PDB file of N, CA and C in Angstrom:
ATOM      1  N   MET A   1     -60.505  20.276 146.357  1.00  0.00           N
ATOM      2  CA  MET A   1     -59.521  20.489 145.084  1.00  0.00           C
ATOM      3  C   MET A   1     -60.425  20.638 143.975  1.00  0.00           C
ATOM      4  N   ASP A   2     -59.999  21.287 143.000  1.00  0.00           N
ATOM      5  CA  ASP A   2     -60.671  21.935 141.942  1.00  0.00           C
ATOM      6  C   ASP A   2     -60.777  20.831 140.870  1.00  0.00           C
ATOM      7  N   HIS A   3     -61.588  21.199 139.993  1.00  0.00           N
ATOM      8  CA  HIS A   3     -61.948  20.286 138.984  1.00  0.00           C
ATOM      9  C   HIS A   3     -60.606  20.201 137.912  1.00  0.00           C
ATOM     10  N   ALA A   4     -59.987  21.053 137.605  1.00  0.00           N
ATOM     11  CA  ALA A   4     -58.780  21.117 136.677  1.00  0.00           C
ATOM     12  C   ALA A   4     -57.535  20.357 137.424  1.00  0.00           C
ATOM     13  N   LEU A   5     -57.405  20.219 138.638  1.00  0.00           N
ATOM     14  CA  LEU A   5     -56.474  19.630 139.366  1.00  0.00           C
ATOM     15  C   LEU A   5     -56.825  18.159 139.361  1.00  0.00           C
ATOM     16  N   THR A   6     -58.052  17.742 139.522  1.00  0.00           N
ATOM     17  CA  THR A   6     -58.522  16.450 139.850  1.00  0.00           C
ATOM     18  C   THR A   6     -58.358  15.789 138.353  1.00  0.00           C
ATOM     19  N   ARG A   7     -58.715  16.681 137.351  1.00  0.00           N
ATOM     20  CA  ARG A   7     -58.605  15.940 135.898  1.00  0.00           C
ATOM     21  C   ARG A   7     -57.198  15.602 135.464  1.00  0.00           C
ATOM     22  N   PHE A   8     -56.245  16.753 135.959  1.00  0.00           N
ATOM     23  CA  PHE A   8     -54.886  16.742 135.554  1.00  0.00           C
ATOM     24  C   PHE A   8     -54.522  15.252 136.336  1.00  0.00           C
ATOM     25  N   ARG A   9     -54.554  15.280 137.596  1.00  0.00           N
ATOM     26  CA  ARG A   9     -53.976  14.035 138.478  1.00  0.00           C
ATOM     27  C   ARG A   9     -54.560  12.539 137.856  1.00  0.00           C
ATOM     28  N   GLN A  10     -55.941  12.607 137.655  1.00  0.00           N
ATOM     29  CA  GLN A  10     -56.436  11.270 137.087  1.00  0.00           C
ATOM     30  C   GLN A  10     -55.801  10.866 135.701  1.00  0.00           C
ATOM     31  N   ALA A  11     -55.572  11.738 134.751  1.00  0.00           N
ATOM     32  CA  ALA A  11     -54.994  11.667 133.568  1.00  0.00           C
ATOM     33  C   ALA A  11     -53.445  11.337 133.643  1.00  0.00           C
ATOM     34  N   ALA A  12     -52.862  11.882 134.590  1.00  0.00           N
ATOM     35  CA  ALA A  12     -51.462  11.585 134.972  1.00  0.00           C
ATOM     36  C   ALA A  12     -51.160  10.351 135.367  1.00  0.00           C
ATOM     37  N   ASP A  13     -52.119  10.065 136.543  1.00  0.00           N
ATOM     38  CA  ASP A  13     -52.133   8.615 136.884  1.00  0.00           C
ATOM     39  C   ASP A  13     -52.390   7.387 135.683  1.00  0.00           C
ATOM     40  N   ARG A  14     -53.325   7.715 135.116  1.00  0.00           N
ATOM     41  CA  ARG A  14     -53.638   6.692 133.900  1.00  0.00           C
ATOM     42  C   ARG A  14     -52.408   6.722 132.865  1.00  0.00           C
ATOM     43  N   GLU A  15     -51.902   7.560 132.590  1.00  0.00           N
ATOM     44  CA  GLU A  15     -50.681   7.631 131.657  1.00  0.00           C
ATOM     45  C   GLU A  15     -49.423   6.901 131.984  1.00  0.00           C
ATOM     46  N   ASN A  16     -49.280   6.939 133.517  1.00  0.00           N
ATOM     47  CA  ASN A  16     -48.160   6.314 134.259  1.00  0.00           C
ATOM     48  C   ASN A  16     -48.437   5.179 135.181  1.00  0.00           C
ATOM     49  N   ARG A  17     -49.604   4.557 134.694  1.00  0.00           N
ATOM     50  CA  ARG A  17     -50.068   3.390 135.595  1.00  0.00           C
ATOM     51  C   ARG A  17     -48.770   2.618 135.932  1.00  0.00           C
ATOM     52  N   ARG A  18     -48.161   2.078 134.933  1.00  0.00           N
ATOM     53  CA  ARG A  18     -47.006   0.986 135.224  1.00  0.00           C
ATOM     54  C   ARG A  18     -45.546   1.609 135.592  1.00  0.00           C
ATOM     55  N   ARG A  19     -45.360   2.927 135.645  1.00  0.00           N
ATOM     56  CA  ARG A  19     -44.097   3.620 135.862  1.00  0.00           C
ATOM     57  C   ARG A  19     -44.059   4.021 137.257  1.00  0.00           C
ATOM     58  N   SER A  20     -43.101   3.530 138.089  1.00  0.00           N
ATOM     59  CA  SER A  20     -42.867   3.912 139.538  1.00  0.00           C
ATOM     60  C   SER A  20     -41.985   4.822 139.582  1.00  0.00           C
ATOM     61  N   LEU A  21     -40.931   5.146 138.634  1.00  0.00           N
ATOM     62  CA  LEU A  21     -39.808   6.054 138.736  1.00  0.00           C
ATOM     63  C   LEU A  21     -40.104   7.111 137.730  1.00  0.00           C
ATOM     64  N   ARG A  22     -39.610   7.152 136.643  1.00  0.00           N
ATOM     65  CA  ARG A  22     -39.690   8.240 135.799  1.00  0.00           C
ATOM     66  C   ARG A  22     -41.043   8.307 135.067  1.00  0.00           C
ATOM     67  N   ARG A  23     -41.774   9.345 135.268  1.00  0.00           N
ATOM     68  CA  ARG A  23     -43.117   9.425 134.975  1.00  0.00           C
ATOM     69  C   ARG A  23     -43.010  10.280 133.691  1.00  0.00           C
ATOM     70  N   ARG A  24     -43.846  10.076 132.665  1.00  0.00           N
ATOM     71  CA  ARG A  24     -43.980  10.841 131.417  1.00  0.00           C
ATOM     72  C   ARG A  24     -45.294  11.708 131.234  1.00  0.00           C
ATOM     73  N   TYR A  25     -45.398  12.610 130.703  1.00  0.00           N
ATOM     74  CA  TYR A  25     -46.487  13.325 130.509  1.00  0.00           C
ATOM     75  C   TYR A  25     -46.734  13.763 129.076  1.00  0.00           C
ATOM     76  N   SER A  26     -47.913  13.413 128.572  1.00  0.00           N
ATOM     77  CA  SER A  26     -48.146  13.794 127.000  1.00  0.00           C
ATOM     78  C   SER A  26     -48.298  15.305 127.109  1.00  0.00           C
ATOM     79  N   VAL A  27     -48.320  15.753 125.888  1.00  0.00           N
ATOM     80  CA  VAL A  27     -48.422  16.991 125.556  1.00  0.00           C
ATOM     81  C   VAL A  27     -49.546  17.684 126.042  1.00  0.00           C
ATOM     82  N   GLU A  28     -50.536  16.938 125.860  1.00  0.00           N
ATOM     83  CA  GLU A  28     -51.842  17.504 126.604  1.00  0.00           C
ATOM     84  C   GLU A  28     -51.948  17.702 127.831  1.00  0.00           C
ATOM     85  N   LEU A  29     -51.458  16.855 128.606  1.00  0.00           N
ATOM     86  CA  LEU A  29     -51.054  17.087 130.064  1.00  0.00           C
ATOM     87  C   LEU A  29     -50.124  18.095 130.333  1.00  0.00           C
ATOM     88  N   GLN A  30     -49.218  18.418 129.659  1.00  0.00           N
ATOM     89  CA  GLN A  30     -48.115  19.463 129.912  1.00  0.00           C
ATOM     90  C   GLN A  30     -49.136  20.947 129.773  1.00  0.00           C
ATOM     91  N   GLN A  31     -49.840  20.903 128.866  1.00  0.00           N
ATOM     92  CA  GLN A  31     -50.715  22.032 128.518  1.00  0.00           C
ATOM     93  C   GLN A  31     -51.651  22.280 129.641  1.00  0.00           C
ATOM     94  N   GLN A  32     -52.275  21.157 129.988  1.00  0.00           N
ATOM     95  CA  GLN A  32     -53.274  21.457 131.170  1.00  0.00           C
ATOM     96  C   GLN A  32     -52.362  21.972 132.528  1.00  0.00           C
ATOM     97  N   ALA A  33     -51.229  21.415 132.533  1.00  0.00           N
ATOM     98  CA  ALA A  33     -50.606  21.992 133.793  1.00  0.00           C
ATOM     99  C   ALA A  33     -49.968  23.445 133.536  1.00  0.00           C
ATOM    100  N   VAL A  34     -49.593  23.872 132.363  1.00  0.00           N
ATOM    101  CA  VAL A  34     -49.349  25.054 132.105  1.00  0.00           C
ATOM    102  C   VAL A  34     -50.400  26.061 132.328  1.00  0.00           C
ATOM    103  N   GLU A  35     -51.854  25.691 131.833  1.00  0.00           N
ATOM    104  CA  GLU A  35     -53.039  26.409 132.015  1.00  0.00           C
ATOM    105  C   GLU A  35     -53.335  26.717 133.507  1.00  0.00           C
ATOM    106  N   TYR A  36     -53.052  25.543 134.382  1.00  0.00           N
ATOM    107  CA  TYR A  36     -53.287  25.508 135.554  1.00  0.00           C
ATOM    108  C   TYR A  36     -52.463  26.527 136.393  1.00  0.00           C
ATOM    109  N   TRP A  37     -51.077  26.485 135.961  1.00  0.00           N
ATOM    110  CA  TRP A  37     -50.167  27.451 136.376  1.00  0.00           C
ATOM    111  C   TRP A  37     -50.412  28.907 136.152  1.00  0.00           C
ATOM    112  N   HIS A  38     -51.009  29.175 134.765  1.00  0.00           N
ATOM    113  CA  HIS A  38     -51.418  30.591 134.597  1.00  0.00           C
ATOM    114  C   HIS A  38     -52.569  30.990 135.338  1.00  0.00           C
ATOM    115  N   GLU A  39     -53.422  30.223 135.719  1.00  0.00           N
ATOM    116  CA  GLU A  39     -54.751  30.492 136.578  1.00  0.00           C
ATOM    117  C   GLU A  39     -54.167  30.750 138.106  1.00  0.00           C
ATOM    118  N   ARG A  40     -53.256  30.055 138.568  1.00  0.00           N
ATOM    119  CA  ARG A  40     -52.825  30.135 139.930  1.00  0.00           C
ATOM    120  C   ARG A  40     -51.383  31.023 140.195  1.00  0.00           C
ATOM    121  N   ARG A  41     -50.857  31.340 139.239  1.00  0.00           N
ATOM    122  CA  ARG A  41     -49.531  32.034 139.384  1.00  0.00           C
ATOM    123  C   ARG A  41     -49.312  33.271 140.312  1.00  0.00           C
ATOM    124  N   GLY A  42     -50.594  34.109 140.092  1.00  0.00           N
ATOM    125  CA  GLY A  42     -50.939  35.235 140.811  1.00  0.00           C
ATOM    126  C   GLY A  42     -50.967  35.172 142.363  1.00  0.00           C
ATOM    127  N   GLU A  43     -51.501  33.929 142.726  1.00  0.00           N
ATOM    128  CA  GLU A  43     -52.009  33.720 144.064  1.00  0.00           C
ATOM    129  C   GLU A  43     -50.800  32.781 144.907  1.00  0.00           C
ATOM    130  N   GLU A  44     -50.231  31.852 144.169  1.00  0.00           N
ATOM    131  CA  GLU A  44     -49.363  30.802 144.531  1.00  0.00           C
ATOM    132  C   GLU A  44     -48.052  30.857 143.822  1.00  0.00           C
ATOM    133  N   GLY A  45     -46.841  30.501 144.305  1.00  0.00           N
ATOM    134  CA  GLY A  45     -45.632  30.446 143.866  1.00  0.00           C
ATOM    135  C   GLY A  45     -45.378  29.026 143.056  1.00  0.00           C
ATOM    136  N   VAL A  46     -44.247  28.921 142.111  1.00  0.00           N
ATOM    137  CA  VAL A  46     -44.398  27.754 141.365  1.00  0.00           C
ATOM    138  C   VAL A  46     -44.002  26.570 142.094  1.00  0.00           C
ATOM    139  N   ARG A  47     -43.343  26.736 143.195  1.00  0.00           N
ATOM    140  CA  ARG A  47     -43.109  25.558 144.165  1.00  0.00           C
ATOM    141  C   ARG A  47     -44.463  24.836 144.467  1.00  0.00           C
ATOM    142  N   THR A  48     -45.240  25.746 145.037  1.00  0.00           N
ATOM    143  CA  THR A  48     -46.523  25.398 145.524  1.00  0.00           C
ATOM    144  C   THR A  48     -47.270  24.811 144.461  1.00  0.00           C
ATOM    145  N   ILE A  49     -47.509  25.444 143.192  1.00  0.00           N
ATOM    146  CA  ILE A  49     -48.368  24.804 142.216  1.00  0.00           C
ATOM    147  C   ILE A  49     -47.574  23.414 141.740  1.00  0.00           C
ATOM    148  N   ALA A  50     -46.313  23.260 141.580  1.00  0.00           N
ATOM    149  CA  ALA A  50     -45.750  22.091 141.001  1.00  0.00           C
ATOM    150  C   ALA A  50     -46.108  20.866 142.224  1.00  0.00           C
ATOM    151  N   ALA A  51     -46.087  21.338 143.382  1.00  0.00           N
ATOM    152  CA  ALA A  51     -46.414  20.202 144.557  1.00  0.00           C
ATOM    153  C   ALA A  51     -47.600  20.070 144.444  1.00  0.00           C
ATOM    154  N   THR A  52     -48.693  20.896 144.030  1.00  0.00           N
ATOM    155  CA  THR A  52     -49.880  20.502 144.194  1.00  0.00           C
ATOM    156  C   THR A  52     -50.265  19.612 142.827  1.00  0.00           C
ATOM    157  N   LEU A  53     -49.520  19.908 141.729  1.00  0.00           N
ATOM    158  CA  LEU A  53     -49.701  18.967 140.434  1.00  0.00           C
ATOM    159  C   LEU A  53     -48.951  17.574 140.523  1.00  0.00           C
ATOM    160  N   GLY A  54     -48.107  17.551 141.566  1.00  0.00           N
ATOM    161  CA  GLY A  54     -47.204  16.151 141.734  1.00  0.00           C
ATOM    162  C   GLY A  54     -46.274  16.155 140.799  1.00  0.00           C
ATOM    163  N   VAL A  55     -45.677  17.295 140.177  1.00  0.00           N
ATOM    164  CA  VAL A  55     -44.484  17.494 139.375  1.00  0.00           C
ATOM    165  C   VAL A  55     -43.464  18.257 140.043  1.00  0.00           C
ATOM    166  N   SER A  56     -42.194  18.043 139.448  1.00  0.00           N
ATOM    167  CA  SER A  56     -41.133  18.673 140.034  1.00  0.00           C
ATOM    168  C   SER A  56     -41.151  20.363 139.716  1.00  0.00           C
ATOM    169  N   VAL A  57     -40.468  21.029 140.408  1.00  0.00           N
ATOM    170  CA  VAL A  57     -40.426  22.467 140.266  1.00  0.00           C
ATOM    171  C   VAL A  57     -39.711  22.824 138.685  1.00  0.00           C
ATOM    172  N   THR A  58     -38.467  21.941 138.474  1.00  0.00           N
ATOM    173  CA  THR A  58     -37.866  22.147 137.418  1.00  0.00           C
ATOM    174  C   THR A  58     -38.854  21.635 136.162  1.00  0.00           C
ATOM    175  N   THR A  59     -39.565  20.596 136.294  1.00  0.00           N
ATOM    176  CA  THR A  59     -40.374  20.187 135.189  1.00  0.00           C
ATOM    177  C   THR A  59     -41.293  21.214 134.880  1.00  0.00           C
ATOM    178  N   LEU A  60     -42.148  21.741 135.868  1.00  0.00           N
ATOM    179  CA  LEU A  60     -43.088  22.713 135.499  1.00  0.00           C
ATOM    180  C   LEU A  60     -42.390  24.015 134.797  1.00  0.00           C
ATOM    181  N   GLN A  61     -41.256  24.602 135.548  1.00  0.00           N
ATOM    182  CA  GLN A  61     -40.678  25.643 134.800  1.00  0.00           C
ATOM    183  C   GLN A  61     -40.367  25.130 133.246  1.00  0.00           C
ATOM    184  N   ARG A  62     -39.863  24.191 132.902  1.00  0.00           N
ATOM    185  CA  ARG A  62     -39.498  23.716 131.672  1.00  0.00           C
ATOM    186  C   ARG A  62     -40.705  23.898 130.882  1.00  0.00           C
ATOM    187  N   TRP A  63     -41.737  23.309 131.217  1.00  0.00           N
ATOM    188  CA  TRP A  63     -42.876  23.493 130.756  1.00  0.00           C
ATOM    189  C   TRP A  63     -43.704  24.776 130.407  1.00  0.00           C
ATOM    190  N   THR A  64     -43.397  25.542 131.315  1.00  0.00           N
ATOM    191  CA  THR A  64     -44.065  27.141 131.209  1.00  0.00           C
ATOM    192  C   THR A  64     -43.187  27.723 130.208  1.00  0.00           C
ATOM    193  N   ARG A  65     -41.763  27.679 130.283  1.00  0.00           N
ATOM    194  CA  ARG A  65     -40.842  28.165 129.348  1.00  0.00           C
ATOM    195  C   ARG A  65     -41.146  27.854 127.884  1.00  0.00           C
ATOM    196  N   GLY A  66     -41.463  26.319 127.778  1.00  0.00           N
ATOM    197  CA  GLY A  66     -41.673  25.960 126.368  1.00  0.00           C
ATOM    198  C   GLY A  66     -43.045  26.530 125.958  1.00  0.00           C
ATOM    199  N   SER A  67     -43.989  26.702 126.776  1.00  0.00           N
ATOM    200  CA  SER A  67     -45.277  27.449 126.218  1.00  0.00           C
ATOM    201  C   SER A  67     -45.083  28.783 125.667  1.00  0.00           C
ATOM    202  N   ALA A  68     -44.072  29.434 126.144  1.00  0.00           N
ATOM    203  CA  ALA A  68     -43.837  30.898 125.905  1.00  0.00           C
ATOM    204  C   ALA A  68     -43.214  31.029 124.479  1.00  0.00           C
ATOM    205  N   ARG A  69     -42.374  29.786 124.010  1.00  0.00           N
ATOM    206  CA  ARG A  69     -41.606  30.118 122.570  1.00  0.00           C
ATOM    207  C   ARG A  69     -42.568  30.289 121.384  1.00  0.00           C
ATOM    208  N   ARG A  70     -42.008  30.970 120.760  1.00  0.00           N
ATOM    209  CA  ARG A  70     -42.862  31.313 119.421  1.00  0.00           C
ATOM    210  C   ARG A  70     -42.393  30.524 118.438  1.00  0.00           C
ATOM    211  N   PRO A  71     -43.288  30.194 117.538  1.00  0.00           N
ATOM    212  CA  PRO A  71     -42.760  29.537 116.242  1.00  0.00           C
ATOM    213  C   PRO A  71     -41.856  30.041 115.493  1.00  0.00           C
ATOM    214  N   GLN A  72     -40.836  29.356 114.931  1.00  0.00           N
ATOM    215  CA  GLN A  72     -39.798  30.013 114.032  1.00  0.00           C
ATOM    216  C   GLN A  72     -40.391  30.774 112.778  1.00  0.00           C
ATOM    217  N   PHE A  73     -41.373  30.275 112.229  1.00  0.00           N
ATOM    218  CA  PHE A  73     -41.991  31.004 110.986  1.00  0.00           C
ATOM    219  C   PHE A  73     -43.350  31.631 111.426  1.00  0.00           C
ATOM    220  N   ARG A  74     -43.456  32.878 110.978  1.00  0.00           N
ATOM    221  CA  ARG A  74     -44.764  33.540 110.950  1.00  0.00           C
ATOM    222  C   ARG A  74     -45.437  33.670 109.562  1.00  0.00           C
ATOM    223  N   PRO A  75     -46.764  33.654 109.649  1.00  0.00           N
ATOM    224  CA  PRO A  75     -47.390  33.769 108.643  1.00  0.00           C
ATOM    225  C   PRO A  75     -47.162  35.268 108.022  1.00  0.00           C
ATOM    226  N   VAL A  76     -47.092  35.284 106.497  1.00  0.00           N
ATOM    227  CA  VAL A  76     -46.829  36.331 105.905  1.00  0.00           C
ATOM    228  C   VAL A  76     -48.030  36.648 104.872  1.00  0.00           C
ATOM    229  N   GLU A  77     -48.470  37.694 104.781  1.00  0.00           N
ATOM    230  CA  GLU A  77     -49.570  38.097 103.869  1.00  0.00           C
ATOM    231  C   GLU A  77     -49.228  38.980 102.735  1.00  0.00           C
ATOM    232  N   ILE A  78     -49.106  38.553 101.504  1.00  0.00           N
ATOM    233  CA  ILE A  78     -48.560  39.464 100.488  1.00  0.00           C
ATOM    234  C   ILE A  78     -49.707  40.254  99.942  1.00  0.00           C
ATOM    235  N   LEU A  79     -49.541  41.501  99.948  1.00  0.00           N
ATOM    236  CA  LEU A  79     -50.695  42.248  99.386  1.00  0.00           C
ATOM    237  C   LEU A  79     -50.249  43.125  97.995  1.00  0.00           C
ATOM    238  N   HIS A  80     -50.929  42.830  97.109  1.00  0.00           N
ATOM    239  CA  HIS A  80     -50.686  43.420  95.457  1.00  0.00           C
ATOM    240  C   HIS A  80     -51.359  44.969  95.531  1.00  0.00           C
ATOM    241  N   ARG A  81     -50.765  45.919  95.617  1.00  0.00           N
ATOM    242  CA  ARG A  81     -51.281  47.301  95.194  1.00  0.00           C
ATOM    243  C   ARG A  81     -50.590  47.868  93.983  1.00  0.00           C
ATOM    244  N   THR A  82     -51.342  48.597  93.374  1.00  0.00           N
ATOM    245  CA  THR A  82     -50.927  49.138  92.131  1.00  0.00           C
ATOM    246  C   THR A  82     -50.234  50.589  92.610  1.00  0.00           C
ATOM    247  N   PRO A  83     -48.946  50.967  92.406  1.00  0.00           N
ATOM    248  CA  PRO A  83     -48.343  51.994  92.838  1.00  0.00           C
ATOM    249  C   PRO A  83     -48.775  53.103  91.952  1.00  0.00           C
ATOM    250  N   SER A  84     -48.871  54.247  92.733  1.00  0.00           N
ATOM    251  CA  SER A  84     -49.317  55.478  92.189  1.00  0.00           C
ATOM    252  C   SER A  84     -48.350  56.078  91.329  1.00  0.00           C
ATOM    253  N   VAL A  85     -48.796  56.814  89.941  1.00  0.00           N
ATOM    254  CA  VAL A  85     -47.589  57.176  89.251  1.00  0.00           C
ATOM    255  C   VAL A  85     -47.063  58.614  89.604  1.00  0.00           C
ATOM    256  N   GLU A  86     -47.980  59.481  90.431  1.00  0.00           N
ATOM    257  CA  GLU A  86     -47.170  60.606  91.048  1.00  0.00           C
ATOM    258  C   GLU A  86     -46.268  60.178  92.091  1.00  0.00           C
ATOM    259  N   THR A  87     -46.651  59.560  93.058  1.00  0.00           N
ATOM    260  CA  THR A  87     -45.971  59.338  94.256  1.00  0.00           C
ATOM    261  C   THR A  87     -44.798  58.210  94.150  1.00  0.00           C
ATOM    262  N   GLY A  88     -44.945  57.345  93.139  1.00  0.00           N
ATOM    263  CA  GLY A  88     -44.359  56.062  93.183  1.00  0.00           C
ATOM    264  C   GLY A  88     -44.489  55.050  94.097  1.00  0.00           C
ATOM    265  N   PRO A  89     -44.127  53.976  94.299  1.00  0.00           N
ATOM    266  CA  PRO A  89     -44.341  52.811  95.082  1.00  0.00           C
ATOM    267  C   PRO A  89     -44.268  53.102  96.605  1.00  0.00           C
ATOM    268  N   THR A  90     -45.144  52.927  97.486  1.00  0.00           N
ATOM    269  CA  THR A  90     -44.993  53.122  98.884  1.00  0.00           C
ATOM    270  C   THR A  90     -44.348  51.942  99.646  1.00  0.00           C
ATOM    271  N   VAL A  91     -43.575  52.077 100.373  1.00  0.00           N
ATOM    272  CA  VAL A  91     -43.021  50.870 101.167  1.00  0.00           C
ATOM    273  C   VAL A  91     -43.288  51.287 102.615  1.00  0.00           C
ATOM    274  N   ALA A  92     -43.843  50.380 103.547  1.00  0.00           N
ATOM    275  CA  ALA A  92     -44.110  50.739 104.754  1.00  0.00           C
ATOM    276  C   ALA A  92     -43.223  49.906 105.495  1.00  0.00           C
ATOM    277  N   VAL A  93     -42.465  50.189 106.591  1.00  0.00           N
ATOM    278  CA  VAL A  93     -41.860  49.337 107.615  1.00  0.00           C
ATOM    279  C   VAL A  93     -42.416  49.643 108.966  1.00  0.00           C
ATOM    280  N   GLN A  94     -43.019  48.461 109.489  1.00  0.00           N
ATOM    281  CA  GLN A  94     -43.334  48.479 110.822  1.00  0.00           C
ATOM    282  C   GLN A  94     -42.397  47.548 111.794  1.00  0.00           C
ATOM    283  N   ILE A  95     -42.197  48.012 112.885  1.00  0.00           N
ATOM    284  CA  ILE A  95     -41.319  47.128 113.941  1.00  0.00           C
ATOM    285  C   ILE A  95     -42.337  46.949 115.025  1.00  0.00           C
ATOM    286  N   THR A  96     -42.421  45.599 114.982  1.00  0.00           N
ATOM    287  CA  THR A  96     -43.681  45.230 116.130  1.00  0.00           C
ATOM    288  C   THR A  96     -42.883  44.255 117.225  1.00  0.00           C
ATOM    289  N   ALA A  97     -43.620  43.830 118.194  1.00  0.00           N
ATOM    290  CA  ALA A  97     -43.160  43.045 118.898  1.00  0.00           C
ATOM    291  C   ALA A  97     -42.843  41.538 118.489  1.00  0.00           C
ATOM    292  N   ALA A  98     -43.621  41.319 117.283  1.00  0.00           N
ATOM    293  CA  ALA A  98     -43.581  40.000 116.716  1.00  0.00           C
ATOM    294  C   ALA A  98     -42.309  40.214 115.632  1.00  0.00           C
ATOM    295  N   GLY A  99     -41.639  41.293 115.457  1.00  0.00           N
ATOM    296  CA  GLY A  99     -40.709  41.407 114.426  1.00  0.00           C
ATOM    297  C   GLY A  99     -41.002  42.477 113.574  1.00  0.00           C
ATOM    298  N   PRO A 100     -40.094  42.638 112.554  1.00  0.00           N
ATOM    299  CA  PRO A 100     -40.460  43.820 111.511  1.00  0.00           C
ATOM    300  C   PRO A 100     -41.455  43.186 110.522  1.00  0.00           C
ATOM    301  N   ARG A 101     -42.211  44.104 109.912  1.00  0.00           N
ATOM    302  CA  ARG A 101     -42.993  43.782 108.835  1.00  0.00           C
ATOM    303  C   ARG A 101     -42.821  44.895 107.668  1.00  0.00           C
ATOM    304  N   VAL A 102     -42.833  44.596 106.570  1.00  0.00           N
ATOM    305  CA  VAL A 102     -42.566  45.355 105.448  1.00  0.00           C
ATOM    306  C   VAL A 102     -43.506  45.052 104.504  1.00  0.00           C
ATOM    307  N   GLU A 103     -44.173  46.191 104.099  1.00  0.00           N
ATOM    308  CA  GLU A 103     -45.299  46.230 103.244  1.00  0.00           C
ATOM    309  C   GLU A 103     -44.935  47.102 101.903  1.00  0.00           C
ATOM    310  N   GLY A 104     -45.443  46.695 100.631  1.00  0.00           N
ATOM    311  CA  GLY A 104     -45.300  47.630  99.476  1.00  0.00           C
ATOM    312  C   GLY A 104     -44.282  47.082  98.650  1.00  0.00           C
ATOM    313  N   LEU A 105     -43.503  45.965  98.881  1.00  0.00           N
ATOM    314  CA  LEU A 105     -42.535  45.189  98.025  1.00  0.00           C
ATOM    315  C   LEU A 105     -43.185  44.327  97.099  1.00  0.00           C
ATOM    316  N   THR A 106     -42.471  44.227  95.843  1.00  0.00           N
ATOM    317  CA  THR A 106     -42.688  42.939  95.039  1.00  0.00           C
ATOM    318  C   THR A 106     -42.024  41.775  95.653  1.00  0.00           C
ATOM    319  N   VAL A 107     -42.651  40.758  95.273  1.00  0.00           N
ATOM    320  CA  VAL A 107     -41.957  39.315  95.818  1.00  0.00           C
ATOM    321  C   VAL A 107     -40.595  39.260  95.592  1.00  0.00           C
ATOM    322  N   GLU A 108     -40.114  39.767  94.404  1.00  0.00           N
ATOM    323  CA  GLU A 108     -38.655  39.858  94.130  1.00  0.00           C
ATOM    324  C   GLU A 108     -37.709  40.753  94.867  1.00  0.00           C
ATOM    325  N   ALA A 109     -38.536  41.904  95.145  1.00  0.00           N
ATOM    326  CA  ALA A 109     -37.907  42.896  96.108  1.00  0.00           C
ATOM    327  C   ALA A 109     -37.848  42.282  97.468  1.00  0.00           C
ATOM    328  N   ALA A 110     -38.816  41.769  97.927  1.00  0.00           N
ATOM    329  CA  ALA A 110     -38.709  41.211  99.178  1.00  0.00           C
ATOM    330  C   ALA A 110     -37.594  39.941  99.440  1.00  0.00           C
ATOM    331  N   ALA A 111     -37.627  39.180  98.515  1.00  0.00           N
ATOM    332  CA  ALA A 111     -36.528  38.091  98.447  1.00  0.00           C
ATOM    333  C   ALA A 111     -35.261  38.882  98.574  1.00  0.00           C
ATOM    334  N   ARG A 112     -35.028  39.799  97.750  1.00  0.00           N
ATOM    335  CA  ARG A 112     -33.717  40.508  97.617  1.00  0.00           C
ATOM    336  C   ARG A 112     -33.298  41.079  99.026  1.00  0.00           C
ATOM    337  N   LEU A 113     -34.330  41.693  99.666  1.00  0.00           N
ATOM    338  CA  LEU A 113     -34.288  42.369 100.831  1.00  0.00           C
ATOM    339  C   LEU A 113     -33.738  41.263 101.839  1.00  0.00           C
ATOM    340  N   LEU A 114     -34.552  40.128 101.878  1.00  0.00           N
ATOM    341  CA  LEU A 114     -34.247  38.962 102.797  1.00  0.00           C
ATOM    342  C   LEU A 114     -32.940  38.519 102.455  1.00  0.00           C
ATOM    343  N   THR A 115     -32.367  38.417 101.415  1.00  0.00           N
ATOM    344  CA  THR A 115     -30.945  37.871 101.140  1.00  0.00           C
ATOM    345  C   THR A 115     -30.083  38.963 101.644  1.00  0.00           C
ATOM    346  N   LEU A 116     -30.168  40.115 101.623  1.00  0.00           N
ATOM    347  CA  LEU A 116     -29.293  41.110 102.138  1.00  0.00           C
ATOM    348  C   LEU A 116     -29.117  41.212 103.653  1.00  0.00           C
ATOM    349  N   LEU A 117     -30.365  40.737 104.042  1.00  0.00           N
ATOM    350  CA  LEU A 117     -30.147  41.014 105.741  1.00  0.00           C
ATOM    351  C   LEU A 117     -29.827  39.812 106.349  1.00  0.00           C
ATOM    352  N   ARG A 118     -29.392  38.655 105.598  1.00  0.00           N
ATOM    353  CA  ARG A 118     -28.858  37.589 106.162  1.00  0.00           C
ATOM    354  C   ARG A 118     -27.361  37.848 106.698  1.00  0.00           C
TER     355      ARG A 118
END
């Protein structure tokens, strides 16, 4: 039995010492289980990994889906640039996997754009 699995099982037993039925797992233990799943998922199926951890398949799937969620808010960096007199202000729009990114707007123009996009 590997070290990560032993550590998970011992911590789970400590947390659920007085619970015979509905076991509960802290966020840290859930993260450990998801990390274990990430390491093993190429070699073993989710059913096998869940059984090895001692949790239900549904529970492990819920934890792995929860780990993939992105935060609702993403950090935004506002850069101040002096527009060129000859070319005017430059606005760059990038469409990325994380969502659209617009550069070159003033704070007021960015606020107006966001209001129009709602």
